[in-house]
Structure formats: C-alpha cells, structure tokens
C-alpha cells in the first residue's frame, strides 16, 4: 500500500494488523496500543502517534484506487483518512479473506 519500512509506525501497524487478524474484536485503544507499547518499550501515546503518521503517509502518497479496494465504504475513502482502528481492521479483514478465506466479524472498537 505504500507504507515505508523506515517509518516507526510501520512495525506498529503490522503488529496491530496481526493482532486483529487473530482476534477481530480486540479493542484498539484499550488493548492493542498497550500491547505494542509494552512490546517495544514506548508509551501508548507514542504508538498512537507513529501509527497515525504512517497511515497519513499512505493516504497522502498512495493512489486512491488502490486504497479503495480495502474499504467497504469507497465514497469515504476519497473524503477523509480513516482512523487507526478503521485502517487496521480493514487491512486485517482483507488479509484474513485472502489468506484464510475467512470473513470474520470485524467490529469497530
């Protein structure tokens, strides 16, 4: 999708997607941020800030047609950047469907 490996948020986003693939109902702010903060020895706020920055870079630099295939609400893609939770859950849902053929219930938390 165009997320640069050199961005600190890249590793947080990848790990968050992995966590959401295994547990689609995990709470982003209550659980994922805390897990990643402990894993990398940083603050929860730092995890959030780095993930938001990485997603902003993707949204700014990637073609909207490419991004639209990951999101069920295509019209919203063209209007505004998704939240961290929306971005992670949409990519996790897409990966589960492609890799495992699963369509788990992904709720926004």
PDB file of N, CA and C in Angstrom:
ATOM      1  N   UNK A   1       0.821  -1.214   0.000  1.00  0.00           N
ATOM      2  CA  UNK A   1       0.000   0.000   0.000  1.00  0.00           C
ATOM      3  C   UNK A   1       0.849   1.256   0.000  1.00  0.00           C
ATOM      4  N   UNK A   2       2.123   1.118   0.110  1.00  0.00           N
ATOM      5  CA  UNK A   2       2.974   2.289   0.070  1.00  0.00           C
ATOM      6  C   UNK A   2       3.498   2.739   1.410  1.00  0.00           C
ATOM      7  N   UNK A   3       3.304   1.948   2.472  1.00  0.00           N
ATOM      8  CA  UNK A   3       3.829   2.338   3.775  1.00  0.00           C
ATOM      9  C   UNK A   3       5.326   2.027   3.805  1.00  0.00           C
ATOM     10  N   UNK A   4       6.098   3.024   4.093  1.00  0.00           N
ATOM     11  CA  UNK A   4       7.547   2.893   4.086  1.00  0.00           C
ATOM     12  C   UNK A   4       8.046   2.118   5.310  1.00  0.00           C
ATOM     13  N   UNK A   5       8.969   1.192   5.087  1.00  0.00           N
ATOM     14  CA  UNK A   5       9.530   0.398   6.184  1.00  0.00           C
ATOM     15  C   UNK A   5      10.268   1.265   7.191  1.00  0.00           C
ATOM     16  N   UNK A   6      10.812   2.374   6.732  1.00  0.00           N
ATOM     17  CA  UNK A   6      11.618   3.215   7.621  1.00  0.00           C
ATOM     18  C   UNK A   6      10.781   3.987   8.626  1.00  0.00           C
ATOM     19  N   UNK A   7       9.483   4.048   8.422  1.00  0.00           N
ATOM     20  CA  UNK A   7       8.612   4.724   9.388  1.00  0.00           C
ATOM     21  C   UNK A   7       8.468   3.869  10.642  1.00  0.00           C
ATOM     22  N   UNK A   8       8.619   4.482  11.797  1.00  0.00           N
ATOM     23  CA  UNK A   8       8.478   3.750  13.054  1.00  0.00           C
ATOM     24  C   UNK A   8       7.087   3.138  13.159  1.00  0.00           C
ATOM     25  N   UNK A   9       6.103   3.840  12.681  1.00  0.00           N
ATOM     26  CA  UNK A   9       4.727   3.348  12.751  1.00  0.00           C
ATOM     27  C   UNK A   9       4.486   2.105  11.924  1.00  0.00           C
ATOM     28  N   UNK A  10       5.358   1.828  10.958  1.00  0.00           N
ATOM     29  CA  UNK A  10       5.182   0.645  10.107  1.00  0.00           C
ATOM     30  C   UNK A  10       5.135  -0.630  10.942  1.00  0.00           C
ATOM     31  N   UNK A  11       6.091  -0.800  11.839  1.00  0.00           N
ATOM     32  CA  UNK A  11       6.122  -2.024  12.646  1.00  0.00           C
ATOM     33  C   UNK A  11       4.919  -2.092  13.589  1.00  0.00           C
ATOM     34  N   UNK A  12       4.464  -0.935  14.078  1.00  0.00           N
ATOM     35  CA  UNK A  12       3.292  -0.934  14.945  1.00  0.00           C
ATOM     36  C   UNK A  12       2.044  -1.314  14.167  1.00  0.00           C
ATOM     37  N   UNK A  13       1.900  -0.780  12.962  1.00  0.00           N
ATOM     38  CA  UNK A  13       0.736  -1.088  12.130  1.00  0.00           C
ATOM     39  C   UNK A  13       0.729  -2.570  11.758  1.00  0.00           C
ATOM     40  N   UNK A  14       1.877  -3.101  11.366  1.00  0.00           N
ATOM     41  CA  UNK A  14       1.964  -4.521  11.002  1.00  0.00           C
ATOM     42  C   UNK A  14       1.590  -5.400  12.195  1.00  0.00           C
ATOM     43  N   UNK A  15       2.116  -5.080  13.367  1.00  0.00           N
ATOM     44  CA  UNK A  15       1.787  -5.870  14.559  1.00  0.00           C
ATOM     45  C   UNK A  15       0.318  -5.730  14.936  1.00  0.00           C
ATOM     46  N   UNK A  16      -0.237  -4.532  14.791  1.00  0.00           N
ATOM     47  CA  UNK A  16      -1.653  -4.324  15.093  1.00  0.00           C
ATOM     48  C   UNK A  16      -2.537  -5.130  14.141  1.00  0.00           C
ATOM     49  N   UNK A  17      -2.163  -5.179  12.870  1.00  0.00           N
ATOM     50  CA  UNK A  17      -2.917  -5.971  11.898  1.00  0.00           C
ATOM     51  C   UNK A  17      -2.864  -7.448  12.283  1.00  0.00           C
ATOM     52  N   UNK A  18      -1.695  -7.904  12.669  1.00  0.00           N
ATOM     53  CA  UNK A  18      -1.556  -9.303  13.080  1.00  0.00           C
ATOM     54  C   UNK A  18      -2.432  -9.612  14.294  1.00  0.00           C
ATOM     55  N   UNK A  19      -2.436  -8.720  15.279  1.00  0.00           N
ATOM     56  CA  UNK A  19      -3.278  -8.922  16.454  1.00  0.00           C
ATOM     57  C   UNK A  19      -4.756  -8.960  16.074  1.00  0.00           C
ATOM     58  N   UNK A  20      -5.164  -8.084  15.159  1.00  0.00           N
ATOM     59  CA  UNK A  20      -6.568  -8.041  14.730  1.00  0.00           C
ATOM     60  C   UNK A  20      -6.941  -9.230  13.856  1.00  0.00           C
ATOM     61  N   UNK A  21      -5.985  -9.783  13.154  1.00  0.00           N
ATOM     62  CA  UNK A  21      -6.276 -10.981  12.358  1.00  0.00           C
ATOM     63  C   UNK A  21      -6.598 -12.160  13.274  1.00  0.00           C
ATOM     64  N   UNK A  22      -5.907 -12.244  14.396  1.00  0.00           N
ATOM     65  CA  UNK A  22      -6.128 -13.344  15.338  1.00  0.00           C
ATOM     66  C   UNK A  22      -7.336 -13.110  16.234  1.00  0.00           C
ATOM     67  N   UNK A  23      -7.626 -11.852  16.536  1.00  0.00           N
ATOM     68  CA  UNK A  23      -8.762 -11.520  17.406  1.00  0.00           C
ATOM     69  C   UNK A  23      -9.447 -10.279  16.850  1.00  0.00           C
ATOM     70  N   UNK A  24     -10.440 -10.456  15.981  1.00  0.00           N
ATOM     71  CA  UNK A  24     -11.079  -9.315  15.330  1.00  0.00           C
ATOM     72  C   UNK A  24     -11.822  -8.372  16.278  1.00  0.00           C
ATOM     73  N   UNK A  25     -12.150  -8.826  17.470  1.00  0.00           N
ATOM     74  CA  UNK A  25     -12.914  -7.993  18.401  1.00  0.00           C
ATOM     75  C   UNK A  25     -12.042  -7.310  19.441  1.00  0.00           C
ATOM     76  N   UNK A  26     -10.731  -7.337  19.247  1.00  0.00           N
ATOM     77  CA  UNK A  26      -9.821  -6.695  20.194  1.00  0.00           C
ATOM     78  C   UNK A  26     -10.002  -5.178  20.131  1.00  0.00           C
ATOM     79  N   UNK A  27      -9.945  -4.529  21.285  1.00  0.00           N
ATOM     80  CA  UNK A  27     -10.083  -3.078  21.348  1.00  0.00           C
ATOM     81  C   UNK A  27      -8.751  -2.420  21.003  1.00  0.00           C
ATOM     82  N   UNK A  28      -8.799  -1.491  20.069  1.00  0.00           N
ATOM     83  CA  UNK A  28      -7.575  -0.841  19.624  1.00  0.00           C
ATOM     84  C   UNK A  28      -6.953  -0.021  20.755  1.00  0.00           C
ATOM     85  N   UNK A  29      -7.732   0.891  21.346  1.00  0.00           N
ATOM     86  CA  UNK A  29      -7.152   1.788  22.347  1.00  0.00           C
ATOM     87  C   UNK A  29      -6.940   1.105  23.688  1.00  0.00           C
ATOM     88  N   UNK A  30      -7.792   0.177  24.043  1.00  0.00           N
ATOM     89  CA  UNK A  30      -7.657  -0.475  25.347  1.00  0.00           C
ATOM     90  C   UNK A  30      -6.624  -1.581  25.355  1.00  0.00           C
ATOM     91  N   UNK A  31      -6.484  -2.292  24.243  1.00  0.00           N
ATOM     92  CA  UNK A  31      -5.602  -3.450  24.239  1.00  0.00           C
ATOM     93  C   UNK A  31      -4.405  -3.322  23.304  1.00  0.00           C
ATOM     94  N   UNK A  32      -4.646  -3.036  22.051  1.00  0.00           N
ATOM     95  CA  UNK A  32      -3.571  -3.068  21.058  1.00  0.00           C
ATOM     96  C   UNK A  32      -2.483  -2.057  21.382  1.00  0.00           C
ATOM     97  N   UNK A  33      -2.851  -0.828  21.685  1.00  0.00           N
ATOM     98  CA  UNK A  33      -1.843   0.186  21.998  1.00  0.00           C
ATOM     99  C   UNK A  33      -0.999  -0.231  23.201  1.00  0.00           C
ATOM    100  N   UNK A  34      -1.635  -0.792  24.218  1.00  0.00           N
ATOM    101  CA  UNK A  34      -0.912  -1.208  25.420  1.00  0.00           C
ATOM    102  C   UNK A  34       0.024  -2.377  25.126  1.00  0.00           C
ATOM    103  N   UNK A  35      -0.456  -3.337  24.343  1.00  0.00           N
ATOM    104  CA  UNK A  35       0.386  -4.483  23.987  1.00  0.00           C
ATOM    105  C   UNK A  35       1.622  -4.022  23.231  1.00  0.00           C
ATOM    106  N   UNK A  36       1.423  -3.163  22.247  1.00  0.00           N
ATOM    107  CA  UNK A  36       2.550  -2.683  21.440  1.00  0.00           C
ATOM    108  C   UNK A  36       3.489  -1.804  22.246  1.00  0.00           C
ATOM    109  N   UNK A  37       2.941  -0.980  23.124  1.00  0.00           N
ATOM    110  CA  UNK A  37       3.783  -0.120  23.963  1.00  0.00           C
ATOM    111  C   UNK A  37       4.687  -0.960  24.855  1.00  0.00           C
ATOM    112  N   UNK A  38       4.148  -2.001  25.453  1.00  0.00           N
ATOM    113  CA  UNK A  38       4.964  -2.886  26.291  1.00  0.00           C
ATOM    114  C   UNK A  38       5.979  -3.657  25.459  1.00  0.00           C
ATOM    115  N   UNK A  39       5.555  -4.126  24.279  1.00  0.00           N
ATOM    116  CA  UNK A  39       6.438  -4.918  23.415  1.00  0.00           C
ATOM    117  C   UNK A  39       7.666  -4.116  22.991  1.00  0.00           C
ATOM    118  N   UNK A  40       7.467  -2.835  22.685  1.00  0.00           N
ATOM    119  CA  UNK A  40       8.566  -2.015  22.171  1.00  0.00           C
ATOM    120  C   UNK A  40       9.168  -1.063  23.197  1.00  0.00           C
ATOM    121  N   UNK A  41       8.654  -1.059  24.413  1.00  0.00           N
ATOM    122  CA  UNK A  41       9.210  -0.217  25.462  1.00  0.00           C
ATOM    123  C   UNK A  41       8.998   1.264  25.235  1.00  0.00           C
ATOM    124  N   UNK A  42       7.837   1.619  24.700  1.00  0.00           N
ATOM    125  CA  UNK A  42       7.492   3.020  24.449  1.00  0.00           C
ATOM    126  C   UNK A  42       6.152   3.315  25.112  1.00  0.00           C
ATOM    127  N   UNK A  43       5.708   4.553  25.002  1.00  0.00           N
ATOM    128  CA  UNK A  43       4.419   4.906  25.583  1.00  0.00           C
ATOM    129  C   UNK A  43       3.280   4.601  24.611  1.00  0.00           C
ATOM    130  N   UNK A  44       2.094   4.492  25.167  1.00  0.00           N
ATOM    131  CA  UNK A  44       0.900   4.255  24.364  1.00  0.00           C
ATOM    132  C   UNK A  44       0.667   5.413  23.401  1.00  0.00           C
ATOM    133  N   UNK A  45       0.925   6.617  23.865  1.00  0.00           N
ATOM    134  CA  UNK A  45       0.761   7.804  23.020  1.00  0.00           C
ATOM    135  C   UNK A  45       1.727   7.782  21.840  1.00  0.00           C
ATOM    136  N   UNK A  46       2.931   7.300  22.076  1.00  0.00           N
ATOM    137  CA  UNK A  46       3.918   7.203  21.001  1.00  0.00           C
ATOM    138  C   UNK A  46       3.464   6.201  19.941  1.00  0.00           C
ATOM    139  N   UNK A  47       2.918   5.085  20.368  1.00  0.00           N
ATOM    140  CA  UNK A  47       2.393   4.086  19.426  1.00  0.00           C
ATOM    141  C   UNK A  47       1.293   4.707  18.583  1.00  0.00           C
ATOM    142  N   UNK A  48       0.359   5.389  19.220  1.00  0.00           N
ATOM    143  CA  UNK A  48      -0.755   6.020  18.508  1.00  0.00           C
ATOM    144  C   UNK A  48      -0.253   7.059  17.514  1.00  0.00           C
ATOM    145  N   UNK A  49       0.645   7.911  17.945  1.00  0.00           N
ATOM    146  CA  UNK A  49       1.167   8.979  17.096  1.00  0.00           C
ATOM    147  C   UNK A  49       1.908   8.419  15.884  1.00  0.00           C
ATOM    148  N   UNK A  50       2.746   7.417  16.097  1.00  0.00           N
ATOM    149  CA  UNK A  50       3.506   6.824  14.995  1.00  0.00           C
ATOM    150  C   UNK A  50       2.599   6.105  14.008  1.00  0.00           C
ATOM    151  N   UNK A  51       1.571   5.425  14.508  1.00  0.00           N
ATOM    152  CA  UNK A  51       0.635   4.741  13.617  1.00  0.00           C
ATOM    153  C   UNK A  51      -0.170   5.752  12.797  1.00  0.00           C
ATOM    154  N   UNK A  52      -0.613   6.825  13.437  1.00  0.00           N
ATOM    155  CA  UNK A  52      -1.369   7.852  12.702  1.00  0.00           C
ATOM    156  C   UNK A  52      -0.509   8.483  11.615  1.00  0.00           C
ATOM    157  N   UNK A  53       0.745   8.731  11.925  1.00  0.00           N
ATOM    158  CA  UNK A  53       1.649   9.326  10.934  1.00  0.00           C
ATOM    159  C   UNK A  53       1.857   8.373   9.749  1.00  0.00           C
ATOM    160  N   UNK A  54       2.097   7.099  10.030  1.00  0.00           N
ATOM    161  CA  UNK A  54       2.313   6.121   8.955  1.00  0.00           C
ATOM    162  C   UNK A  54       1.082   6.015   8.059  1.00  0.00           C
ATOM    163  N   UNK A  55      -0.107   6.009   8.660  1.00  0.00           N
ATOM    164  CA  UNK A  55      -1.344   5.925   7.875  1.00  0.00           C
ATOM    165  C   UNK A  55      -1.552   7.195   7.062  1.00  0.00           C
ATOM    166  N   UNK A  56      -1.201   8.332   7.627  1.00  0.00           N
ATOM    167  CA  UNK A  56      -1.298   9.598   6.894  1.00  0.00           C
ATOM    168  C   UNK A  56      -0.401   9.586   5.665  1.00  0.00           C
ATOM    169  N   UNK A  57       0.810   9.046   5.800  1.00  0.00           N
ATOM    170  CA  UNK A  57       1.730   8.952   4.664  1.00  0.00           C
ATOM    171  C   UNK A  57       1.137   8.059   3.580  1.00  0.00           C
ATOM    172  N   UNK A  58       0.576   6.935   3.972  1.00  0.00           N
ATOM    173  CA  UNK A  58      -0.067   6.039   2.997  1.00  0.00           C
ATOM    174  C   UNK A  58      -1.204   6.763   2.293  1.00  0.00           C
ATOM    175  N   UNK A  59      -2.032   7.443   3.059  1.00  0.00           N
ATOM    176  CA  UNK A  59      -3.204   8.115   2.489  1.00  0.00           C
ATOM    177  C   UNK A  59      -2.796   9.247   1.551  1.00  0.00           C
ATOM    178  N   UNK A  60      -1.701   9.901   1.859  1.00  0.00           N
ATOM    179  CA  UNK A  60      -1.236  11.010   1.043  1.00  0.00           C
ATOM    180  C   UNK A  60      -0.545  10.533  -0.243  1.00  0.00           C
ATOM    181  N   UNK A  61       0.218   9.432  -0.156  1.00  0.00           N
ATOM    182  CA  UNK A  61       1.089   9.038  -1.254  1.00  0.00           C
ATOM    183  C   UNK A  61       0.585   7.880  -2.120  1.00  0.00           C
ATOM    184  N   UNK A  62      -0.444   7.175  -1.699  1.00  0.00           N
ATOM    185  CA  UNK A  62      -0.921   6.011  -2.444  1.00  0.00           C
ATOM    186  C   UNK A  62      -2.137   6.390  -3.277  1.00  0.00           C
ATOM    187  N   UNK A  63      -2.240   5.798  -4.441  1.00  0.00           N
ATOM    188  CA  UNK A  63      -3.377   6.070  -5.324  1.00  0.00           C
ATOM    189  C   UNK A  63      -4.679   5.629  -4.648  1.00  0.00           C
ATOM    190  N   UNK A  64      -5.680   6.471  -4.732  1.00  0.00           N
ATOM    191  CA  UNK A  64      -6.963   6.188  -4.094  1.00  0.00           C
ATOM    192  C   UNK A  64      -7.627   4.921  -4.649  1.00  0.00           C
ATOM    193  N   UNK A  65      -7.395   4.615  -5.908  1.00  0.00           N
ATOM    194  CA  UNK A  65      -7.965   3.396  -6.482  1.00  0.00           C
ATOM    195  C   UNK A  65      -7.415   2.159  -5.770  1.00  0.00           C
ATOM    196  N   UNK A  66      -6.151   2.205  -5.415  1.00  0.00           N
ATOM    197  CA  UNK A  66      -5.529   1.093  -4.685  1.00  0.00           C
ATOM    198  C   UNK A  66      -6.124   0.984  -3.281  1.00  0.00           C
ATOM    199  N   UNK A  67      -6.307   2.108  -2.618  1.00  0.00           N
ATOM    200  CA  UNK A  67      -6.841   2.101  -1.262  1.00  0.00           C
ATOM    201  C   UNK A  67      -8.310   1.691  -1.224  1.00  0.00           C
ATOM    202  N   UNK A  68      -9.056   2.061  -2.242  1.00  0.00           N
ATOM    203  CA  UNK A  68     -10.493   1.817  -2.256  1.00  0.00           C
ATOM    204  C   UNK A  68     -10.843   0.337  -2.204  1.00  0.00           C
ATOM    205  N   UNK A  69      -9.980  -0.522  -2.702  1.00  0.00           N
ATOM    206  CA  UNK A  69     -10.313  -1.948  -2.705  1.00  0.00           C
ATOM    207  C   UNK A  69     -10.266  -2.571  -1.310  1.00  0.00           C
ATOM    208  N   UNK A  70      -9.672  -1.879  -0.335  1.00  0.00           N
ATOM    209  CA  UNK A  70      -9.606  -2.391   1.032  1.00  0.00           C
ATOM    210  C   UNK A  70     -10.778  -1.945   1.897  1.00  0.00           C
ATOM    211  N   UNK A  71     -11.519  -0.948   1.446  1.00  0.00           N
ATOM    212  CA  UNK A  71     -12.540  -0.345   2.289  1.00  0.00           C
ATOM    213  C   UNK A  71     -13.934  -0.560   1.726  1.00  0.00           C
ATOM    214  N   UNK A  72     -14.843  -1.015   2.586  1.00  0.00           N
ATOM    215  CA  UNK A  72     -16.213  -1.240   2.119  1.00  0.00           C
ATOM    216  C   UNK A  72     -16.928   0.061   1.745  1.00  0.00           C
ATOM    217  N   UNK A  73     -16.629   1.154   2.411  1.00  0.00           N
ATOM    218  CA  UNK A  73     -17.267   2.444   2.133  1.00  0.00           C
ATOM    219  C   UNK A  73     -16.338   3.253   1.222  1.00  0.00           C
ATOM    220  N   UNK A  74     -16.402   2.971  -0.065  1.00  0.00           N
ATOM    221  CA  UNK A  74     -15.487   3.570  -1.035  1.00  0.00           C
ATOM    222  C   UNK A  74     -15.618   5.089  -1.088  1.00  0.00           C
ATOM    223  N   UNK A  75     -16.817   5.614  -0.978  1.00  0.00           N
ATOM    224  CA  UNK A  75     -17.007   7.070  -1.043  1.00  0.00           C
ATOM    225  C   UNK A  75     -16.244   7.779   0.073  1.00  0.00           C
ATOM    226  N   UNK A  76     -16.176   7.159   1.243  1.00  0.00           N
ATOM    227  CA  UNK A  76     -15.483   7.762   2.376  1.00  0.00           C
ATOM    228  C   UNK A  76     -13.967   7.823   2.132  1.00  0.00           C
ATOM    229  N   UNK A  77     -13.443   6.882   1.361  1.00  0.00           N
ATOM    230  CA  UNK A  77     -12.008   6.851   1.066  1.00  0.00           C
ATOM    231  C   UNK A  77     -11.558   8.158   0.446  1.00  0.00           C
ATOM    232  N   UNK A  78     -12.363   8.701  -0.418  1.00  0.00           N
ATOM    233  CA  UNK A  78     -11.981   9.917  -1.133  1.00  0.00           C
ATOM    234  C   UNK A  78     -12.156  11.173  -0.283  1.00  0.00           C
ATOM    235  N   UNK A  79     -12.900  11.069   0.813  1.00  0.00           N
ATOM    236  CA  UNK A  79     -13.189  12.255   1.618  1.00  0.00           C
ATOM    237  C   UNK A  79     -12.201  12.485   2.754  1.00  0.00           C
ATOM    238  N   UNK A  80     -11.865  11.422   3.481  1.00  0.00           N
ATOM    239  CA  UNK A  80     -11.005  11.624   4.646  1.00  0.00           C
ATOM    240  C   UNK A  80     -10.225  10.369   4.997  1.00  0.00           C
ATOM    241  N   UNK A  81      -9.104  10.569   5.670  1.00  0.00           N
ATOM    242  CA  UNK A  81      -8.249   9.474   6.132  1.00  0.00           C
ATOM    243  C   UNK A  81      -8.995   8.703   7.225  1.00  0.00           C
ATOM    244  N   UNK A  82      -8.883   7.372   7.230  1.00  0.00           N
ATOM    245  CA  UNK A  82      -9.564   6.589   8.266  1.00  0.00           C
ATOM    246  C   UNK A  82      -8.832   6.694   9.600  1.00  0.00           C
ATOM    247  N   UNK A  83      -9.527   6.322  10.651  1.00  0.00           N
ATOM    248  CA  UNK A  83      -8.861   6.247  11.950  1.00  0.00           C
ATOM    249  C   UNK A  83      -7.900   5.070  11.934  1.00  0.00           C
ATOM    250  N   UNK A  84      -7.058   4.989  12.935  1.00  0.00           N
ATOM    251  CA  UNK A  84      -6.124   3.874  13.032  1.00  0.00           C
ATOM    252  C   UNK A  84      -6.901   2.562  13.104  1.00  0.00           C
ATOM    253  N   UNK A  85      -7.947   2.527  13.925  1.00  0.00           N
ATOM    254  CA  UNK A  85      -8.737   1.306  14.075  1.00  0.00           C
ATOM    255  C   UNK A  85      -9.378   0.898  12.753  1.00  0.00           C
ATOM    256  N   UNK A  86      -9.934   1.844  12.015  1.00  0.00           N
ATOM    257  CA  UNK A  86     -10.551   1.528  10.727  1.00  0.00           C
ATOM    258  C   UNK A  86      -9.524   0.979   9.749  1.00  0.00           C
ATOM    259  N   UNK A  87      -8.388   1.626   9.672  1.00  0.00           N
ATOM    260  CA  UNK A  87      -7.333   1.199   8.744  1.00  0.00           C
ATOM    261  C   UNK A  87      -6.875  -0.211   9.069  1.00  0.00           C
ATOM    262  N   UNK A  88      -6.549  -0.451  10.335  1.00  0.00           N
ATOM    263  CA  UNK A  88      -6.032  -1.755  10.752  1.00  0.00           C
ATOM    264  C   UNK A  88      -7.072  -2.842  10.532  1.00  0.00           C
ATOM    265  N   UNK A  89      -8.308  -2.584  10.900  1.00  0.00           N
ATOM    266  CA  UNK A  89      -9.349  -3.602  10.757  1.00  0.00           C
ATOM    267  C   UNK A  89      -9.665  -3.907   9.295  1.00  0.00           C
ATOM    268  N   UNK A  90      -9.670  -2.905   8.461  1.00  0.00           N
ATOM    269  CA  UNK A  90      -9.932  -3.144   7.032  1.00  0.00           C
ATOM    270  C   UNK A  90      -8.831  -3.981   6.401  1.00  0.00           C
ATOM    271  N   UNK A  91      -7.594  -3.681   6.709  1.00  0.00           N
ATOM    272  CA  UNK A  91      -6.490  -4.455   6.151  1.00  0.00           C
ATOM    273  C   UNK A  91      -6.486  -5.869   6.743  1.00  0.00           C
ATOM    274  N   UNK A  92      -6.759  -5.996   8.052  1.00  0.00           N
ATOM    275  CA  UNK A  92      -6.806  -7.325   8.682  1.00  0.00           C
ATOM    276  C   UNK A  92      -7.925  -8.171   8.080  1.00  0.00           C
ATOM    277  N   UNK A  93      -9.080  -7.560   7.852  1.00  0.00           N
ATOM    278  CA  UNK A  93     -10.202  -8.291   7.235  1.00  0.00           C
ATOM    279  C   UNK A  93      -9.820  -8.756   5.833  1.00  0.00           C
ATOM    280  N   UNK A  94      -9.217  -7.875   5.065  1.00  0.00           N
ATOM    281  CA  UNK A  94      -8.810  -8.220   3.708  1.00  0.00           C
ATOM    282  C   UNK A  94      -7.779  -9.356   3.718  1.00  0.00           C
ATOM    283  N   UNK A  95      -6.826  -9.286   4.622  1.00  0.00           N
ATOM    284  CA  UNK A  95      -5.803 -10.331   4.693  1.00  0.00           C
ATOM    285  C   UNK A  95      -6.399 -11.663   5.125  1.00  0.00           C
ATOM    286  N   UNK A  96      -7.313 -11.651   6.094  1.00  0.00           N
ATOM    287  CA  UNK A  96      -7.966 -12.890   6.506  1.00  0.00           C
ATOM    288  C   UNK A  96      -8.718 -13.520   5.343  1.00  0.00           C
ATOM    289  N   UNK A  97      -9.392 -12.693   4.567  1.00  0.00           N
ATOM    290  CA  UNK A  97     -10.145 -13.210   3.427  1.00  0.00           C
ATOM    291  C   UNK A  97      -9.216 -13.774   2.361  1.00  0.00           C
ATOM    292  N   UNK A  98      -8.123 -13.080   2.080  1.00  0.00           N
ATOM    293  CA  UNK A  98      -7.193 -13.534   1.036  1.00  0.00           C
ATOM    294  C   UNK A  98      -6.395 -14.764   1.455  1.00  0.00           C
ATOM    295  N   UNK A  99      -5.908 -14.758   2.685  1.00  0.00           N
ATOM    296  CA  UNK A  99      -5.022 -15.831   3.131  1.00  0.00           C
ATOM    297  C   UNK A  99      -5.797 -17.065   3.581  1.00  0.00           C
ATOM    298  N   UNK A 100      -6.812 -16.847   4.404  1.00  0.00           N
ATOM    299  CA  UNK A 100      -7.504 -17.967   5.023  1.00  0.00           C
ATOM    300  C   UNK A 100      -8.901 -18.215   4.466  1.00  0.00           C
ATOM    301  N   UNK A 101      -9.376 -17.306   3.628  1.00  0.00           N
ATOM    302  CA  UNK A 101     -10.733 -17.440   3.123  1.00  0.00           C
ATOM    303  C   UNK A 101     -11.768 -17.182   4.198  1.00  0.00           C
ATOM    304  N   UNK A 102     -11.357 -16.453   5.233  1.00  0.00           N
ATOM    305  CA  UNK A 102     -12.255 -16.191   6.359  1.00  0.00           C
ATOM    306  C   UNK A 102     -12.898 -14.828   6.223  1.00  0.00           C
ATOM    307  N   UNK A 103     -14.123 -14.740   6.671  1.00  0.00           N
ATOM    308  CA  UNK A 103     -14.811 -13.455   6.732  1.00  0.00           C
ATOM    309  C   UNK A 103     -15.294 -13.278   8.160  1.00  0.00           C
ATOM    310  N   UNK A 104     -14.350 -12.996   9.061  1.00  0.00           N
ATOM    311  CA  UNK A 104     -14.692 -12.813  10.476  1.00  0.00           C
ATOM    312  C   UNK A 104     -15.430 -11.507  10.655  1.00  0.00           C
ATOM    313  N   UNK A 105     -16.184 -11.433  11.726  1.00  0.00           N
ATOM    314  CA  UNK A 105     -16.931 -10.228  12.043  1.00  0.00           C
ATOM    315  C   UNK A 105     -16.003  -9.200  12.662  1.00  0.00           C
ATOM    316  N   UNK A 106     -15.654  -8.168  11.915  1.00  0.00           N
ATOM    317  CA  UNK A 106     -14.781  -7.107  12.404  1.00  0.00           C
ATOM    318  C   UNK A 106     -15.628  -5.919  12.806  1.00  0.00           C
ATOM    319  N   UNK A 107     -15.725  -5.684  14.108  1.00  0.00           N
ATOM    320  CA  UNK A 107     -16.455  -4.533  14.601  1.00  0.00           C
ATOM    321  C   UNK A 107     -15.467  -3.437  14.917  1.00  0.00           C
ATOM    322  N   UNK A 108     -15.903  -2.193  14.768  1.00  0.00           N
ATOM    323  CA  UNK A 108     -15.031  -1.060  15.089  1.00  0.00           C
ATOM    324  C   UNK A 108     -15.062  -0.825  16.581  1.00  0.00           C
ATOM    325  N   UNK A 109     -13.871  -0.760  17.203  1.00  0.00           N
ATOM    326  CA  UNK A 109     -13.769  -0.517  18.644  1.00  0.00           C
ATOM    327  C   UNK A 109     -12.897   0.671  18.893  1.00  0.00           C
TER     328      UNK A 109
END
